[in-house]
Amino acid sequence: MNSKTAISRREFVRNSALLGFALGFPAIVPSSVIGQNSPSNRINVALIGMGLMMGGHQGHLLSRNDVQVVAICDVDRNKRERTKQSIERAYSNKSGQGSYKGCDAYNEYELIIERKDIDAVVICTPDHWHAPISIAAMRSGKDVYVQKPMTLTIREGRIMSNVAKQYGAILQVGSQQRSERAFRKACEIVRNGLIGKVHTAYASLGEFPPPSTLPEEPIPDGFDYDRWLGPTAWYPYNRKRVEGNYGGGWRCFWDYGSRKNGDWGAHHFDIIQWAFGMDDSGPVYFIPKGYEGTEYQTYVYANGSKVLKNHPDMKGHMIRFIGEKGEVLVSRGNRLDTVPEKIKDVEFGPNDIRLYVSNHHEDNWVQCMKTRRQPICTAEIGHRTATICHLSGIAERLGRPIRWDPVKEEIIGDSEASRWMDRPRRAPYTYI
């Protein structure tokens, strides 16, 4: 996409979105403007954070004819060089025209933000970089796909949601369970009252080992450790602090997220929010495990419905809804069970509550960038789910319950806990 075309396209899309927002309806951008596969109208995308989670996104985007990956960013030089070569080799093989040299690699994401020919970014950094990069991208007119949990703090989430609305950005949070049929069906069963009022839900999150003090190790050549830490506190380098793996890595540390609440909690709490019809609200009371004999981490909605973390009676599933007239149990891999069993086969009609249908999370994002329709997991939805993750973590760290006003978005009667709604930022990374 040449610079002149890219600028006019982005300005058209953004202005159309803002006009539609102002008038109260989604702006539909005609295919004659964006096109489907025209090389001059492909969506130019940059990938930021080339770790484990980026692999699936990269593969999907490279397979599309309506998207072109034109830049990547990572603070690890080895990852940058490997990924750049991998992307250019994939495009070369796809075109069958010999070598391809069209993917730039950066250490600083700001250089991607400055480029006018880049339409959108995919952000798969650790959690503490999600908000600064997303906000900068949206303010520059770019759309965003950001991994879950959307933010490191509650304040960041409110800012991100506001910025997305202000700039008409298409922001998709990577809570991809919303794009799986079984989770959608489970939520529709709950929303339509087939199991009666849900008084309890269980969410299986697992556990990380406790954060530990790590000995200092030499910083590897080509790794920008200061920038990896970014706005968080400085600690001596250790490989286990920065690595991303399913056994913990950086997710074990409070500095970079909310541990298991921000890991699997961001997925399962999101589905529970969807099932309860609370995408614009949330629970009102958070109780940490161990407080006055509380056996499981718990949070409670205003109507009395409770959510328990890591209850052992999951019956082989990830999420279990227990209602007055039955149960719904759901997991990845489109696994859905109900009590009574016949409920899972119910066919909903036009007068029933039907939920947003997305059968592929990344494709939903791409299609929404074309039409300017909002995606299945917007910034506001991601913020509300991340708020549950953060408040659960704050209650755990303080060892006492927290009362929350989801309308005012305030912690009630606890000034110490309220200070954790945001965090100090290390210079010079103080901006969001």
Foldseek 3Di string as FASTA:
>chain_A
DDLVLLLVLLVVLQVQQLVCVVVVHGRFFDCVSQPAQPPSRAAEEEEEAQADVCVVVVVVQLVGRRYDDQEYEALFPVSQVVVQVVSQVSVCVVVVPPGGRGYYYYHDCVVVLPDSNHAEYEYDAFQACQLVSLLSNLVSSHAYEYEFLNHAFLVSLVVNQVSCSVRLHAYHYPLCVLQAPLLQLLLLCLQQQVQHDFQEKEAEQDAAPADDQDDADDDDPSGPVCVSCFFFDDDHDDQQCRHDDPNARVLNDSRRHLRSCRPRVLNPLLSVCSSVVNLQFAFFKWAPDPQVNRHFTWTAHPVNRIYGYNDPPLVPARMWTHGPRWIWGHHPPSDIAIVVRCSSVDDDDPPGDHADHHNGRVVQSVVCSNGSDHGRQGSSSSSRSRNVSQQNSLCHVVVGMWGADRVVGATPPDVVSRVRSDDGTDPPNRDD
